[in-house]
Amino acid sequence: MRPDAAEVRVDAEVAFYRIIAEASGNEFYLEFIQMIDAKLMENLRSVVVKNAMVSEIGARVLAEHDEVFEAIGERDPERARTATRRHFESAARRLADRADFADV
């Protein structure tokens, strides 16, 4: 994936989380997501873009997003909660596993 395409993908992912947070009606969750977005973009954007450029990670991330999206569409809050938690845990693991994390 080209760096510019990765940037677009990262921006789409941030929007995905923001829309879900807004739809939740939970003001604290929305504020939390906005705080994470601000810190992420300020401190770790280059790492996020690098992760988006790795094709095997990209397919997994999209599958995780689909799982969250489908659960929300089916109005299944427990499944959505579980899928979201699994996605965040996987994202943290992927970030920690990156060998080039230290060069950012």
Protein backbone atom coordinates (compact mmCIF):
# COMPACT_ATOMS: atom_id res chain seq x y z
CA MET A 1 0.00 0.00 0.00
CA ARG A 2 1.30 3.45 -0.89
CA PRO A 3 1.86 5.94 1.97
CA ASP A 4 -0.83 8.30 0.64
CA ALA A 5 -3.37 5.44 0.48
CA ALA A 6 -2.40 4.47 4.03
CA GLU A 7 -3.02 8.05 5.17
CA VAL A 8 -6.51 7.95 3.64
CA ARG A 9 -7.17 4.60 5.30
CA VAL A 10 -6.02 5.90 8.70
CA ASP A 11 -8.31 8.92 8.37
CA ALA A 12 -11.22 6.61 7.45
CA GLU A 13 -10.52 4.43 10.49
CA VAL A 14 -10.50 7.46 12.79
CA ALA A 15 -13.84 8.55 11.28
CA PHE A 16 -15.22 5.01 11.78
CA TYR A 17 -14.46 5.14 15.51
CA ARG A 18 -15.79 8.68 15.86
CA ILE A 19 -19.09 7.81 14.15
CA ILE A 20 -19.56 4.78 16.40
CA ALA A 21 -18.80 6.89 19.46
CA GLU A 22 -21.26 9.57 18.37
CA ALA A 23 -23.96 6.97 17.64
CA SER A 24 -23.49 5.41 21.08
CA GLY A 25 -24.94 8.52 22.72
CA ASN A 26 -22.32 8.11 25.44
CA GLU A 27 -20.67 11.49 25.92
CA PHE A 28 -17.81 10.05 27.96
CA TYR A 29 -17.02 7.46 25.27
CA LEU A 30 -17.04 10.16 22.61
CA GLU A 31 -14.70 12.35 24.67
CA PHE A 32 -12.44 9.35 25.30
CA ILE A 33 -12.26 8.53 21.58
CA GLN A 34 -11.54 12.17 20.75
CA MET A 35 -8.74 12.26 23.34
CA ILE A 36 -7.21 9.06 21.98
CA ASP A 37 -7.46 10.36 18.42
CA ALA A 38 -5.73 13.60 19.36
CA LYS A 39 -2.88 11.82 21.17
CA LEU A 40 -2.58 9.17 18.49
CA MET A 41 -2.36 11.69 15.69
CA GLU A 42 0.04 13.84 17.69
CA ASN A 43 2.42 11.09 18.78
CA LEU A 44 1.93 7.88 16.82
CA ARG A 45 0.51 8.73 13.39
CA SER A 46 3.60 7.47 11.57
CA VAL A 47 3.30 4.09 13.33
CA VAL A 48 -0.40 3.86 12.50
CA VAL A 49 0.34 4.66 8.85
CA LYS A 50 3.11 2.02 8.77
CA ASN A 51 0.67 -0.54 10.18
CA ALA A 52 -1.92 0.43 7.57
CA MET A 53 0.67 -0.18 4.85
CA VAL A 54 1.21 -3.81 5.86
CA SER A 55 -1.24 -5.74 3.72
CA GLU A 56 -1.69 -8.79 5.96
CA ILE A 57 -2.54 -6.53 8.87
CA GLY A 58 -4.92 -4.53 6.69
CA ALA A 59 -7.08 -7.54 5.89
CA ARG A 60 -7.33 -8.49 9.56
CA VAL A 61 -8.20 -4.95 10.61
CA LEU A 62 -10.95 -4.71 7.98
CA ALA A 63 -12.36 -8.06 9.11
CA GLU A 64 -12.42 -6.80 12.70
CA HIS A 65 -14.15 -3.60 11.59
CA ASP A 66 -16.71 -5.64 9.64
CA GLU A 67 -17.45 -7.68 12.75
CA VAL A 68 -18.09 -4.53 14.79
CA PHE A 69 -20.15 -2.94 12.01
CA GLU A 70 -22.31 -6.06 11.51
CA ALA A 71 -23.00 -6.38 15.23
CA ILE A 72 -24.10 -2.75 15.38
CA GLY A 73 -26.24 -3.21 12.28
CA GLU A 74 -27.92 -6.22 13.87
CA ARG A 75 -28.47 -4.19 17.05
CA ASP A 76 -26.56 -6.72 19.12
CA PRO A 77 -24.82 -4.64 21.81
CA GLU A 78 -23.07 -7.56 23.51
CA ARG A 79 -21.62 -8.82 20.23
CA ALA A 80 -20.60 -5.27 19.29
CA ARG A 81 -18.96 -4.78 22.68
CA THR A 82 -17.09 -8.07 22.40
CA ALA A 83 -16.00 -7.40 18.81
CA THR A 84 -14.80 -3.92 19.74
CA ARG A 85 -12.87 -5.18 22.75
CA ARG A 86 -11.28 -7.92 20.63
CA HIS A 87 -10.37 -5.35 17.95
CA PHE A 88 -8.76 -2.96 20.45
CA GLU A 89 -6.81 -5.79 22.09
CA SER A 90 -5.61 -7.02 18.69
CA ALA A 91 -4.67 -3.49 17.64
CA ALA A 92 -2.62 -3.03 20.80
CA ARG A 93 -0.89 -6.37 20.22
CA ARG A 94 -0.14 -5.51 16.58
CA LEU A 95 1.31 -2.18 17.59
CA ALA A 96 3.48 -3.73 20.31
CA ASP A 97 4.68 -6.47 17.96
CA ARG A 98 5.94 -4.09 15.30
CA ALA A 99 9.73 -4.50 15.07
CA ASP A 100 10.11 -0.98 13.66
CA PHE A 101 8.07 0.67 16.44
CA ALA A 102 11.21 2.09 18.03
CA ASP A 103 12.27 3.96 14.91
CA VAL A 104 9.35 6.37 15.12
